[in-house]
């Protein structure tokens, strides 16, 4: 058996891994630089937004943020993160099926809701 595994085939086309031998697995420096610059830009934008929320530069946005954090804390006290992730995973695959099965009823309800929102 050892001889069978160490023996290479005579023809490269008969080897199932022949395509992997010639595959280029190098990472280009420009690609990494582009990804890093995008990540740094996103982090800087997020940090400046958080700073403005914590320092109450915009009172309404800071209050919205505070209320959202309170609601997340309240939800977190009832169940842990794994439960929330499991619920989100199930919901991700359940809602599209429910929509396709009840498309007409859901569309009519959404249309009524938009009419009521426009009236307000």
PDB file of N, CA and C in Angstrom:
ATOM      1  N   UNK A   1       0.816  -1.184   0.000  1.00  0.00           N
ATOM      2  CA  UNK A   1       0.000   0.000   0.000  1.00  0.00           C
ATOM      3  C   UNK A   1       0.865   1.256   0.000  1.00  0.00           C
ATOM      4  N   UNK A   2       1.966   1.240   0.709  1.00  0.00           N
ATOM      5  CA  UNK A   2       2.850   2.397   0.732  1.00  0.00           C
ATOM      6  C   UNK A   2       3.404   2.650  -0.656  1.00  0.00           C
ATOM      7  N   UNK A   3       3.709   1.606  -1.371  1.00  0.00           N
ATOM      8  CA  UNK A   3       4.229   1.776  -2.731  1.00  0.00           C
ATOM      9  C   UNK A   3       3.180   2.393  -3.644  1.00  0.00           C
ATOM     10  N   UNK A   4       1.912   2.065  -3.463  1.00  0.00           N
ATOM     11  CA  UNK A   4       0.861   2.636  -4.292  1.00  0.00           C
ATOM     12  C   UNK A   4       0.703   4.133  -4.040  1.00  0.00           C
ATOM     13  N   UNK A   5       0.803   4.557  -2.795  1.00  0.00           N
ATOM     14  CA  UNK A   5       0.618   5.966  -2.468  1.00  0.00           C
ATOM     15  C   UNK A   5       1.806   6.818  -2.891  1.00  0.00           C
ATOM     16  N   UNK A   6       3.004   6.261  -2.821  1.00  0.00           N
ATOM     17  CA  UNK A   6       4.177   7.054  -3.160  1.00  0.00           C
ATOM     18  C   UNK A   6       4.449   7.078  -4.654  1.00  0.00           C
ATOM     19  N   UNK A   7       3.807   6.242  -5.407  1.00  0.00           N
ATOM     20  CA  UNK A   7       4.029   6.165  -6.846  1.00  0.00           C
ATOM     21  C   UNK A   7       3.195   7.231  -7.557  1.00  0.00           C
ATOM     22  N   UNK A   8       3.844   8.030  -8.381  1.00  0.00           N
ATOM     23  CA  UNK A   8       3.136   9.045  -9.144  1.00  0.00           C
ATOM     24  C   UNK A   8       2.663   8.447 -10.456  1.00  0.00           C
ATOM     25  N   UNK A   9       1.553   8.896 -10.964  1.00  0.00           N
ATOM     26  CA  UNK A   9       1.090   8.367 -12.245  1.00  0.00           C
ATOM     27  C   UNK A   9       2.004   8.783 -13.391  1.00  0.00           C
ATOM     28  N   UNK A  10       2.008   7.976 -14.427  1.00  0.00           N
ATOM     29  CA  UNK A  10       2.859   8.260 -15.574  1.00  0.00           C
ATOM     30  C   UNK A  10       2.356   9.479 -16.346  1.00  0.00           C
ATOM     31  N   UNK A  11       1.063   9.655 -16.441  1.00  0.00           N
ATOM     32  CA  UNK A  11       0.481  10.778 -17.170  1.00  0.00           C
ATOM     33  C   UNK A  11      -0.065  11.807 -16.187  1.00  0.00           C
ATOM     34  N   UNK A  12       0.196  13.091 -16.403  1.00  0.00           N
ATOM     35  CA  UNK A  12      -0.362  14.107 -15.500  1.00  0.00           C
ATOM     36  C   UNK A  12      -1.882  14.188 -15.559  1.00  0.00           C
ATOM     37  N   UNK A  13      -2.483  13.830 -16.678  1.00  0.00           N
ATOM     38  CA  UNK A  13      -3.931  13.928 -16.793  1.00  0.00           C
ATOM     39  C   UNK A  13      -4.649  12.879 -15.953  1.00  0.00           C
ATOM     40  N   UNK A  14      -3.964  11.785 -15.615  1.00  0.00           N
ATOM     41  CA  UNK A  14      -4.609  10.760 -14.800  1.00  0.00           C
ATOM     42  C   UNK A  14      -4.536  11.076 -13.313  1.00  0.00           C
ATOM     43  N   UNK A  15      -3.751  12.087 -12.951  1.00  0.00           N
ATOM     44  CA  UNK A  15      -3.622  12.475 -11.548  1.00  0.00           C
ATOM     45  C   UNK A  15      -4.780  13.408 -11.189  1.00  0.00           C
ATOM     46  N   UNK A  16      -5.618  13.076 -10.180  1.00  0.00           N
ATOM     47  CA  UNK A  16      -6.750  13.951  -9.830  1.00  0.00           C
ATOM     48  C   UNK A  16      -6.312  15.277  -9.223  1.00  0.00           C
ATOM     49  N   UNK A  17      -5.098  15.352  -8.734  1.00  0.00           N
ATOM     50  CA  UNK A  17      -4.611  16.591  -8.121  1.00  0.00           C
ATOM     51  C   UNK A  17      -3.720  17.399  -9.058  1.00  0.00           C
ATOM     52  N   UNK A  18      -3.684  17.044 -10.329  1.00  0.00           N
ATOM     53  CA  UNK A  18      -2.803  17.723 -11.281  1.00  0.00           C
ATOM     54  C   UNK A  18      -3.122  19.219 -11.373  1.00  0.00           C
ATOM     55  N   UNK A  19      -4.374  19.599 -11.333  1.00  0.00           N
ATOM     56  CA  UNK A  19      -4.742  21.017 -11.422  1.00  0.00           C
ATOM     57  C   UNK A  19      -4.273  21.791 -10.199  1.00  0.00           C
ATOM     58  N   UNK A  20      -4.206  21.132  -9.049  1.00  0.00           N
ATOM     59  CA  UNK A  20      -3.767  21.815  -7.833  1.00  0.00           C
ATOM     60  C   UNK A  20      -2.267  22.063  -7.822  1.00  0.00           C
ATOM     61  N   UNK A  21      -1.496  21.233  -8.516  1.00  0.00           N
ATOM     62  CA  UNK A  21      -0.049  21.424  -8.549  1.00  0.00           C
ATOM     63  C   UNK A  21       0.316  22.729  -9.244  1.00  0.00           C
ATOM     64  N   UNK A  22      -0.422  23.113 -10.249  1.00  0.00           N
ATOM     65  CA  UNK A  22      -0.094  24.312 -11.007  1.00  0.00           C
ATOM     66  C   UNK A  22      -0.878  25.546 -10.549  1.00  0.00           C
ATOM     67  N   UNK A  23      -1.682  25.420  -9.522  1.00  0.00           N
ATOM     68  CA  UNK A  23      -2.500  26.524  -9.039  1.00  0.00           C
ATOM     69  C   UNK A  23      -1.639  27.549  -8.305  1.00  0.00           C
ATOM     70  N   UNK A  24      -1.806  28.819  -8.660  1.00  0.00           N
ATOM     71  CA  UNK A  24      -1.051  29.903  -8.038  1.00  0.00           C
ATOM     72  C   UNK A  24      -1.789  30.363  -6.783  1.00  0.00           C
ATOM     73  N   UNK A  25      -1.167  30.202  -5.619  1.00  0.00           N
ATOM     74  CA  UNK A  25      -1.801  30.546  -4.348  1.00  0.00           C
ATOM     75  C   UNK A  25      -1.194  31.785  -3.705  1.00  0.00           C
ATOM     76  N   UNK A  26      -0.519  32.612  -4.466  1.00  0.00           N
ATOM     77  CA  UNK A  26       0.074  33.808  -3.896  1.00  0.00           C
ATOM     78  C   UNK A  26      -0.976  34.904  -3.752  1.00  0.00           C
ATOM     79  N   UNK A  27      -0.765  35.776  -2.779  1.00  0.00           N
ATOM     80  CA  UNK A  27      -1.653  36.907  -2.535  1.00  0.00           C
ATOM     81  C   UNK A  27      -0.935  38.160  -3.014  1.00  0.00           C
ATOM     82  N   UNK A  28      -1.607  38.930  -3.826  1.00  0.00           N
ATOM     83  CA  UNK A  28      -1.018  40.150  -4.375  1.00  0.00           C
ATOM     84  C   UNK A  28      -0.972  41.241  -3.309  1.00  0.00           C
ATOM     85  N   UNK A  29       0.111  41.979  -3.275  1.00  0.00           N
ATOM     86  CA  UNK A  29       0.288  43.049  -2.293  1.00  0.00           C
ATOM     87  C   UNK A  29      -0.734  44.166  -2.503  1.00  0.00           C
ATOM     88  N   UNK A  30      -1.062  44.459  -3.755  1.00  0.00           N
ATOM     89  CA  UNK A  30      -2.028  45.524  -4.034  1.00  0.00           C
ATOM     90  C   UNK A  30      -3.408  45.172  -3.490  1.00  0.00           C
ATOM     91  N   UNK A  31      -3.775  43.896  -3.592  1.00  0.00           N
ATOM     92  CA  UNK A  31      -5.078  43.452  -3.084  1.00  0.00           C
ATOM     93  C   UNK A  31      -5.141  43.627  -1.564  1.00  0.00           C
ATOM     94  N   UNK A  32      -4.068  43.244  -0.883  1.00  0.00           N
ATOM     95  CA  UNK A  32      -4.032  43.384   0.576  1.00  0.00           C
ATOM     96  C   UNK A  32      -4.071  44.857   0.971  1.00  0.00           C
ATOM     97  N   UNK A  33      -3.334  45.702   0.238  1.00  0.00           N
ATOM     98  CA  UNK A  33      -3.332  47.130   0.543  1.00  0.00           C
ATOM     99  C   UNK A  33      -4.719  47.737   0.358  1.00  0.00           C
ATOM    100  N   UNK A  34      -5.424  47.340  -0.690  1.00  0.00           N
ATOM    101  CA  UNK A  34      -6.779  47.856  -0.917  1.00  0.00           C
ATOM    102  C   UNK A  34      -7.727  47.430   0.199  1.00  0.00           C
ATOM    103  N   UNK A  35      -7.636  46.180   0.605  1.00  0.00           N
ATOM    104  CA  UNK A  35      -8.507  45.682   1.680  1.00  0.00           C
ATOM    105  C   UNK A  35      -8.200  46.396   2.987  1.00  0.00           C
ATOM    106  N   UNK A  36      -6.921  46.538   3.307  1.00  0.00           N
ATOM    107  CA  UNK A  36      -6.526  47.201   4.555  1.00  0.00           C
ATOM    108  C   UNK A  36      -6.962  48.660   4.555  1.00  0.00           C
ATOM    109  N   UNK A  37      -6.807  49.354   3.436  1.00  0.00           N
ATOM    110  CA  UNK A  37      -7.220  50.767   3.398  1.00  0.00           C
ATOM    111  C   UNK A  37      -8.727  50.902   3.558  1.00  0.00           C
ATOM    112  N   UNK A  38      -9.491  49.964   2.990  1.00  0.00           N
ATOM    113  CA  UNK A  38     -10.940  49.991   3.156  1.00  0.00           C
ATOM    114  C   UNK A  38     -11.325  49.734   4.605  1.00  0.00           C
ATOM    115  N   UNK A  39     -10.659  48.774   5.236  1.00  0.00           N
ATOM    116  CA  UNK A  39     -10.952  48.450   6.635  1.00  0.00           C
ATOM    117  C   UNK A  39     -10.596  49.628   7.536  1.00  0.00           C
ATOM    118  N   UNK A  40      -9.440  50.237   7.312  1.00  0.00           N
ATOM    119  CA  UNK A  40      -9.023  51.379   8.134  1.00  0.00           C
ATOM    120  C   UNK A  40     -10.001  52.535   7.963  1.00  0.00           C
ATOM    121  N   UNK A  41     -10.428  52.781   6.741  1.00  0.00           N
ATOM    122  CA  UNK A  41     -11.402  53.843   6.501  1.00  0.00           C
ATOM    123  C   UNK A  41     -12.714  53.581   7.226  1.00  0.00           C
ATOM    124  N   UNK A  42     -13.184  52.332   7.183  1.00  0.00           N
ATOM    125  CA  UNK A  42     -14.433  51.979   7.865  1.00  0.00           C
ATOM    126  C   UNK A  42     -14.304  52.109   9.379  1.00  0.00           C
ATOM    127  N   UNK A  43     -13.180  51.669   9.928  1.00  0.00           N
ATOM    128  CA  UNK A  43     -12.966  51.771  11.375  1.00  0.00           C
ATOM    129  C   UNK A  43     -12.917  53.233  11.803  1.00  0.00           C
ATOM    130  N   UNK A  44     -12.219  54.064  11.043  1.00  0.00           N
ATOM    131  CA  UNK A  44     -12.145  55.493  11.390  1.00  0.00           C
ATOM    132  C   UNK A  44     -13.511  56.156  11.328  1.00  0.00           C
ATOM    133  N   UNK A  45     -14.307  55.816  10.320  1.00  0.00           N
ATOM    134  CA  UNK A  45     -15.651  56.370  10.216  1.00  0.00           C
ATOM    135  C   UNK A  45     -16.512  55.931  11.395  1.00  0.00           C
ATOM    136  N   UNK A  46     -16.440  54.659  11.743  1.00  0.00           N
ATOM    137  CA  UNK A  46     -17.210  54.139  12.871  1.00  0.00           C
ATOM    138  C   UNK A  46     -16.810  54.770  14.186  1.00  0.00           C
ATOM    139  N   UNK A  47     -15.505  54.937  14.392  1.00  0.00           N
ATOM    140  CA  UNK A  47     -15.041  55.548  15.639  1.00  0.00           C
ATOM    141  C   UNK A  47     -15.452  57.014  15.740  1.00  0.00           C
ATOM    142  N   UNK A  48     -15.409  57.741  14.639  1.00  0.00           N
ATOM    143  CA  UNK A  48     -15.838  59.143  14.705  1.00  0.00           C
ATOM    144  C   UNK A  48     -17.344  59.236  14.961  1.00  0.00           C
ATOM    145  N   UNK A  49     -18.116  58.300  14.406  1.00  0.00           N
ATOM    146  CA  UNK A  49     -19.559  58.274  14.665  1.00  0.00           C
ATOM    147  C   UNK A  49     -19.830  57.949  16.130  1.00  0.00           C
ATOM    148  N   UNK A  50     -19.113  56.970  16.684  1.00  0.00           N
ATOM    149  CA  UNK A  50     -19.288  56.635  18.101  1.00  0.00           C
ATOM    150  C   UNK A  50     -18.903  57.809  18.998  1.00  0.00           C
ATOM    151  N   UNK A  51     -17.821  58.499  18.640  1.00  0.00           N
ATOM    152  CA  UNK A  51     -17.408  59.656  19.438  1.00  0.00           C
ATOM    153  C   UNK A  51     -18.501  60.716  19.456  1.00  0.00           C
ATOM    154  N   UNK A  52     -19.102  60.962  18.279  1.00  0.00           N
ATOM    155  CA  UNK A  52     -20.158  61.977  18.237  1.00  0.00           C
ATOM    156  C   UNK A  52     -21.394  61.520  19.004  1.00  0.00           C
ATOM    157  N   UNK A  53     -21.667  60.207  19.027  1.00  0.00           N
ATOM    158  CA  UNK A  53     -22.815  59.712  19.801  1.00  0.00           C
ATOM    159  C   UNK A  53     -22.567  59.831  21.295  1.00  0.00           C
ATOM    160  N   UNK A  54     -21.362  59.493  21.732  1.00  0.00           N
ATOM    161  CA  UNK A  54     -21.062  59.541  23.170  1.00  0.00           C
ATOM    162  C   UNK A  54     -20.907  60.959  23.698  1.00  0.00           C
ATOM    163  N   UNK A  55     -20.487  61.882  22.850  1.00  0.00           N
ATOM    164  CA  UNK A  55     -20.294  63.265  23.292  1.00  0.00           C
ATOM    165  C   UNK A  55     -21.503  64.150  23.031  1.00  0.00           C
ATOM    166  N   UNK A  56     -22.621  63.566  22.626  1.00  0.00           N
ATOM    167  CA  UNK A  56     -23.879  64.282  22.401  1.00  0.00           C
ATOM    168  C   UNK A  56     -23.724  65.463  21.450  1.00  0.00           C
ATOM    169  N   UNK A  57     -23.003  65.253  20.348  1.00  0.00           N
ATOM    170  CA  UNK A  57     -22.906  66.307  19.343  1.00  0.00           C
ATOM    171  C   UNK A  57     -24.245  66.516  18.650  1.00  0.00           C
ATOM    172  N   UNK A  58     -24.999  65.430  18.466  1.00  0.00           N
ATOM    173  CA  UNK A  58     -26.355  65.501  17.935  1.00  0.00           C
ATOM    174  C   UNK A  58     -27.252  64.838  18.978  1.00  0.00           C
ATOM    175  N   UNK A  59     -28.039  65.635  19.662  1.00  0.00           N
ATOM    176  CA  UNK A  59     -28.821  65.150  20.804  1.00  0.00           C
ATOM    177  C   UNK A  59     -29.797  64.042  20.393  1.00  0.00           C
ATOM    178  N   UNK A  60     -30.481  64.204  19.275  1.00  0.00           N
ATOM    179  CA  UNK A  60     -31.490  63.227  18.853  1.00  0.00           C
ATOM    180  C   UNK A  60     -30.832  61.889  18.530  1.00  0.00           C
ATOM    181  N   UNK A  61     -29.724  61.916  17.784  1.00  0.00           N
ATOM    182  CA  UNK A  61     -29.034  60.679  17.435  1.00  0.00           C
ATOM    183  C   UNK A  61     -28.481  59.998  18.678  1.00  0.00           C
ATOM    184  N   UNK A  62     -27.977  60.765  19.632  1.00  0.00           N
ATOM    185  CA  UNK A  62     -27.444  60.185  20.866  1.00  0.00           C
ATOM    186  C   UNK A  62     -28.559  59.549  21.691  1.00  0.00           C
ATOM    187  N   UNK A  63     -29.720  60.178  21.727  1.00  0.00           N
ATOM    188  CA  UNK A  63     -30.846  59.591  22.460  1.00  0.00           C
ATOM    189  C   UNK A  63     -31.338  58.315  21.784  1.00  0.00           C
ATOM    190  N   UNK A  64     -31.380  58.300  20.445  1.00  0.00           N
ATOM    191  CA  UNK A  64     -31.749  57.081  19.724  1.00  0.00           C
ATOM    192  C   UNK A  64     -30.767  55.956  20.042  1.00  0.00           C
ATOM    193  N   UNK A  65     -29.488  56.300  20.074  1.00  0.00           N
ATOM    194  CA  UNK A  65     -28.460  55.317  20.382  1.00  0.00           C
ATOM    195  C   UNK A  65     -28.628  54.784  21.804  1.00  0.00           C
ATOM    196  N   UNK A  66     -28.905  55.676  22.741  1.00  0.00           N
ATOM    197  CA  UNK A  66     -29.114  55.250  24.125  1.00  0.00           C
ATOM    198  C   UNK A  66     -30.321  54.344  24.282  1.00  0.00           C
ATOM    199  N   UNK A  67     -31.410  54.677  23.615  1.00  0.00           N
ATOM    200  CA  UNK A  67     -32.616  53.848  23.674  1.00  0.00           C
ATOM    201  C   UNK A  67     -32.352  52.492  23.027  1.00  0.00           C
ATOM    202  N   UNK A  68     -31.625  52.486  21.916  1.00  0.00           N
ATOM    203  CA  UNK A  68     -31.295  51.210  21.261  1.00  0.00           C
ATOM    204  C   UNK A  68     -30.424  50.341  22.164  1.00  0.00           C
ATOM    205  N   UNK A  69     -29.456  50.948  22.834  1.00  0.00           N
ATOM    206  CA  UNK A  69     -28.594  50.183  23.747  1.00  0.00           C
ATOM    207  C   UNK A  69     -29.396  49.638  24.934  1.00  0.00           C
ATOM    208  N   UNK A  70     -30.346  50.429  25.421  1.00  0.00           N
ATOM    209  CA  UNK A  70     -31.193  49.949  26.518  1.00  0.00           C
ATOM    210  C   UNK A  70     -32.042  48.767  26.065  1.00  0.00           C
ATOM    211  N   UNK A  71     -32.609  48.863  24.861  1.00  0.00           N
ATOM    212  CA  UNK A  71     -33.432  47.757  24.352  1.00  0.00           C
ATOM    213  C   UNK A  71     -32.596  46.504  24.145  1.00  0.00           C
ATOM    214  N   UNK A  72     -31.386  46.659  23.640  1.00  0.00           N
ATOM    215  CA  UNK A  72     -30.507  45.508  23.456  1.00  0.00           C
ATOM    216  C   UNK A  72     -30.146  44.898  24.807  1.00  0.00           C
ATOM    217  N   UNK A  73     -29.937  45.719  25.816  1.00  0.00           N
ATOM    218  CA  UNK A  73     -29.651  45.212  27.154  1.00  0.00           C
ATOM    219  C   UNK A  73     -30.845  44.446  27.710  1.00  0.00           C
ATOM    220  N   UNK A  74     -32.042  44.962  27.476  1.00  0.00           N
ATOM    221  CA  UNK A  74     -33.250  44.304  27.952  1.00  0.00           C
ATOM    222  C   UNK A  74     -33.438  42.949  27.261  1.00  0.00           C
ATOM    223  N   UNK A  75     -33.215  42.913  25.951  1.00  0.00           N
ATOM    224  CA  UNK A  75     -33.303  41.648  25.223  1.00  0.00           C
ATOM    225  C   UNK A  75     -32.220  40.684  25.697  1.00  0.00           C
ATOM    226  N   UNK A  76     -31.019  41.199  25.934  1.00  0.00           N
ATOM    227  CA  UNK A  76     -29.911  40.366  26.402  1.00  0.00           C
ATOM    228  C   UNK A  76     -30.137  39.787  27.782  1.00  0.00           C
ATOM    229  N   UNK A  77     -30.930  40.462  28.595  1.00  0.00           N
ATOM    230  CA  UNK A  77     -31.202  39.914  29.929  1.00  0.00           C
ATOM    231  C   UNK A  77     -32.177  38.746  29.862  1.00  0.00           C
ATOM    232  N   UNK A  78     -32.980  38.681  28.783  1.00  0.00           N
ATOM    233  CA  UNK A  78     -33.944  37.589  28.651  1.00  0.00           C
ATOM    234  C   UNK A  78     -33.327  36.348  28.016  1.00  0.00           C
ATOM    235  N   UNK A  79     -32.400  36.525  27.078  1.00  0.00           N
ATOM    236  CA  UNK A  79     -31.783  35.366  26.426  1.00  0.00           C
ATOM    237  C   UNK A  79     -30.356  35.715  26.026  1.00  0.00           C
ATOM    238  N   UNK A  80     -29.551  34.675  25.846  1.00  0.00           N
ATOM    239  CA  UNK A  80     -28.155  34.928  25.517  1.00  0.00           C
ATOM    240  C   UNK A  80     -27.965  35.090  24.011  1.00  0.00           C
ATOM    241  N   UNK A  81     -26.741  35.397  23.602  1.00  0.00           N
ATOM    242  CA  UNK A  81     -26.452  35.688  22.207  1.00  0.00           C
ATOM    243  C   UNK A  81     -26.661  34.473  21.313  1.00  0.00           C
ATOM    244  N   UNK A  82     -26.338  33.298  21.807  1.00  0.00           N
ATOM    245  CA  UNK A  82     -26.515  32.093  20.995  1.00  0.00           C
ATOM    246  C   UNK A  82     -27.988  31.866  20.663  1.00  0.00           C
ATOM    247  N   UNK A  83     -28.871  32.157  21.602  1.00  0.00           N
ATOM    248  CA  UNK A  83     -30.305  32.036  21.352  1.00  0.00           C
ATOM    249  C   UNK A  83     -30.750  33.038  20.297  1.00  0.00           C
ATOM    250  N   UNK A  84     -30.249  34.256  20.370  1.00  0.00           N
ATOM    251  CA  UNK A  84     -30.604  35.279  19.397  1.00  0.00           C
ATOM    252  C   UNK A  84     -30.098  34.898  18.007  1.00  0.00           C
ATOM    253  N   UNK A  85     -28.882  34.375  17.921  1.00  0.00           N
ATOM    254  CA  UNK A  85     -28.333  33.952  16.630  1.00  0.00           C
ATOM    255  C   UNK A  85     -29.145  32.798  16.058  1.00  0.00           C
ATOM    256  N   UNK A  86     -29.534  31.835  16.902  1.00  0.00           N
ATOM    257  CA  UNK A  86     -30.340  30.711  16.440  1.00  0.00           C
ATOM    258  C   UNK A  86     -31.698  31.194  15.942  1.00  0.00           C
ATOM    259  N   UNK A  87     -32.311  32.089  16.670  1.00  0.00           N
ATOM    260  CA  UNK A  87     -33.602  32.643  16.245  1.00  0.00           C
ATOM    261  C   UNK A  87     -33.475  33.396  14.926  1.00  0.00           C
ATOM    262  N   UNK A  88     -32.404  34.170  14.773  1.00  0.00           N
ATOM    263  CA  UNK A  88     -32.188  34.912  13.520  1.00  0.00           C
ATOM    264  C   UNK A  88     -31.948  33.956  12.364  1.00  0.00           C
ATOM    265  N   UNK A  89     -31.226  32.867  12.591  1.00  0.00           N
ATOM    266  CA  UNK A  89     -30.954  31.885  11.547  1.00  0.00           C
ATOM    267  C   UNK A  89     -32.249  31.209  11.086  1.00  0.00           C
ATOM    268  N   UNK A  90     -33.086  30.844  12.034  1.00  0.00           N
ATOM    269  CA  UNK A  90     -34.369  30.213  11.689  1.00  0.00           C
ATOM    270  C   UNK A  90     -35.263  31.206  10.957  1.00  0.00           C
ATOM    271  N   UNK A  91     -35.291  32.439  11.424  1.00  0.00           N
ATOM    272  CA  UNK A  91     -36.116  33.475  10.803  1.00  0.00           C
ATOM    273  C   UNK A  91     -35.646  33.773   9.383  1.00  0.00           C
ATOM    274  N   UNK A  92     -34.340  33.751   9.166  1.00  0.00           N
ATOM    275  CA  UNK A  92     -33.770  34.028   7.858  1.00  0.00           C
ATOM    276  C   UNK A  92     -34.313  33.079   6.795  1.00  0.00           C
ATOM    277  N   UNK A  93     -34.558  31.826   7.166  1.00  0.00           N
ATOM    278  CA  UNK A  93     -35.040  30.854   6.195  1.00  0.00           C
ATOM    279  C   UNK A  93     -36.553  30.644   6.252  1.00  0.00           C
ATOM    280  N   UNK A  94     -37.209  31.109   7.310  1.00  0.00           N
ATOM    281  CA  UNK A  94     -38.647  30.921   7.435  1.00  0.00           C
ATOM    282  C   UNK A  94     -39.431  32.031   6.744  1.00  0.00           C
ATOM    283  N   UNK A  95     -39.025  33.284   6.918  1.00  0.00           N
ATOM    284  CA  UNK A  95     -39.791  34.399   6.364  1.00  0.00           C
ATOM    285  C   UNK A  95     -39.908  34.383   4.843  1.00  0.00           C
ATOM    286  N   UNK A  96     -38.868  34.063   4.089  1.00  0.00           N
ATOM    287  CA  UNK A  96     -39.077  34.003   2.633  1.00  0.00           C
ATOM    288  C   UNK A  96     -40.101  32.954   2.220  1.00  0.00           C
ATOM    289  N   UNK A  97     -40.116  31.819   2.889  1.00  0.00           N
ATOM    290  CA  UNK A  97     -41.091  30.784   2.559  1.00  0.00           C
ATOM    291  C   UNK A  97     -42.508  31.238   2.921  1.00  0.00           C
ATOM    292  N   UNK A  98     -42.655  31.870   4.087  1.00  0.00           N
ATOM    293  CA  UNK A  98     -43.967  32.384   4.474  1.00  0.00           C
ATOM    294  C   UNK A  98     -44.454  33.442   3.485  1.00  0.00           C
ATOM    295  N   UNK A  99     -43.531  34.270   2.992  1.00  0.00           N
ATOM    296  CA  UNK A  99     -43.921  35.306   2.037  1.00  0.00           C
ATOM    297  C   UNK A  99     -44.371  34.691   0.720  1.00  0.00           C
ATOM    298  N   UNK A 100     -43.639  33.703   0.233  1.00  0.00           N
ATOM    299  CA  UNK A 100     -44.038  33.094  -1.045  1.00  0.00           C
ATOM    300  C   UNK A 100     -45.358  32.348  -0.927  1.00  0.00           C
ATOM    301  N   UNK A 101     -45.642  31.769   0.234  1.00  0.00           N
ATOM    302  CA  UNK A 101     -46.901  31.055   0.416  1.00  0.00           C
ATOM    303  C   UNK A 101     -48.088  32.002   0.578  1.00  0.00           C
ATOM    304  N   UNK A 102     -47.866  33.163   1.189  1.00  0.00           N
ATOM    305  CA  UNK A 102     -48.957  34.113   1.478  1.00  0.00           C
ATOM    306  C   UNK A 102     -48.695  35.467   0.827  1.00  0.00           C
ATOM    307  N   UNK A 103     -48.223  35.483  -0.396  1.00  0.00           N
ATOM    308  CA  UNK A 103     -47.795  36.710  -1.044  1.00  0.00           C
ATOM    309  C   UNK A 103     -48.921  37.730  -1.197  1.00  0.00           C
ATOM    310  N   UNK A 104     -50.103  37.290  -1.626  1.00  0.00           N
ATOM    311  CA  UNK A 104     -51.201  38.223  -1.869  1.00  0.00           C
ATOM    312  C   UNK A 104     -51.672  38.885  -0.574  1.00  0.00           C
ATOM    313  N   UNK A 105     -51.830  38.108   0.477  1.00  0.00           N
ATOM    314  CA  UNK A 105     -52.298  38.661   1.757  1.00  0.00           C
ATOM    315  C   UNK A 105     -51.280  39.635   2.341  1.00  0.00           C
ATOM    316  N   UNK A 106     -50.003  39.272   2.281  1.00  0.00           N
ATOM    317  CA  UNK A 106     -48.964  40.136   2.844  1.00  0.00           C
ATOM    318  C   UNK A 106     -48.862  41.425   2.036  1.00  0.00           C
ATOM    319  N   UNK A 107     -48.918  41.323   0.702  1.00  0.00           N
ATOM    320  CA  UNK A 107     -48.837  42.526  -0.123  1.00  0.00           C
ATOM    321  C   UNK A 107     -49.997  43.478   0.132  1.00  0.00           C
ATOM    322  N   UNK A 108     -51.198  42.934   0.322  1.00  0.00           N
ATOM    323  CA  UNK A 108     -52.344  43.807   0.593  1.00  0.00           C
ATOM    324  C   UNK A 108     -52.211  44.485   1.960  1.00  0.00           C
ATOM    325  N   UNK A 109     -51.704  43.760   2.954  1.00  0.00           N
ATOM    326  CA  UNK A 109     -51.502  44.368   4.279  1.00  0.00           C
ATOM    327  C   UNK A 109     -50.426  45.449   4.247  1.00  0.00           C
ATOM    328  N   UNK A 110     -49.349  45.200   3.520  1.00  0.00           N
ATOM    329  CA  UNK A 110     -48.279  46.201   3.415  1.00  0.00           C
ATOM    330  C   UNK A 110     -48.784  47.435   2.683  1.00  0.00           C
ATOM    331  N   UNK A 111     -49.604  47.230   1.651  1.00  0.00           N
ATOM    332  CA  UNK A 111     -50.168  48.365   0.924  1.00  0.00           C
ATOM    333  C   UNK A 111     -51.076  49.202   1.827  1.00  0.00           C
ATOM    334  N   UNK A 112     -51.901  48.546   2.645  1.00  0.00           N
ATOM    335  CA  UNK A 112     -52.755  49.274   3.592  1.00  0.00           C
ATOM    336  C   UNK A 112     -51.915  50.036   4.606  1.00  0.00           C
ATOM    337  N   UNK A 113     -50.827  49.413   5.055  1.00  0.00           N
ATOM    338  CA  UNK A 113     -49.956  50.061   6.026  1.00  0.00           C
ATOM    339  C   UNK A 113     -49.330  51.321   5.428  1.00  0.00           C
ATOM    340  N   UNK A 114     -48.864  51.249   4.174  1.00  0.00           N
ATOM    341  CA  UNK A 114     -48.274  52.418   3.533  1.00  0.00           C
ATOM    342  C   UNK A 114     -49.290  53.536   3.350  1.00  0.00           C
ATOM    343  N   UNK A 115     -50.527  53.191   3.041  1.00  0.00           N
ATOM    344  CA  UNK A 115     -51.574  54.208   2.913  1.00  0.00           C
ATOM    345  C   UNK A 115     -51.795  54.919   4.244  1.00  0.00           C
ATOM    346  N   UNK A 116     -51.830  54.155   5.336  1.00  0.00           N
ATOM    347  CA  UNK A 116     -52.029  54.769   6.664  1.00  0.00           C
ATOM    348  C   UNK A 116     -50.834  55.619   7.058  1.00  0.00           C
ATOM    349  N   UNK A 117     -49.619  55.202   6.703  1.00  0.00           N
ATOM    350  CA  UNK A 117     -48.428  56.004   7.029  1.00  0.00           C
ATOM    351  C   UNK A 117     -48.447  57.304   6.244  1.00  0.00           C
ATOM    352  N   UNK A 118     -48.864  57.267   4.984  1.00  0.00           N
ATOM    353  CA  UNK A 118     -48.928  58.480   4.184  1.00  0.00           C
ATOM    354  C   UNK A 118     -49.976  59.458   4.707  1.00  0.00           C
ATOM    355  N   UNK A 119     -51.033  58.944   5.313  1.00  0.00           N
ATOM    356  CA  UNK A 119     -52.074  59.812   5.870  1.00  0.00           C
ATOM    357  C   UNK A 119     -51.582  60.552   7.103  1.00  0.00           C
ATOM    358  N   UNK A 120     -50.679  59.984   7.827  1.00  0.00           N
ATOM    359  CA  UNK A 120     -50.143  60.615   9.030  1.00  0.00           C
ATOM    360  C   UNK A 120     -49.117  61.610   8.622  1.00  0.00           C
TER     361      UNK A 120
END
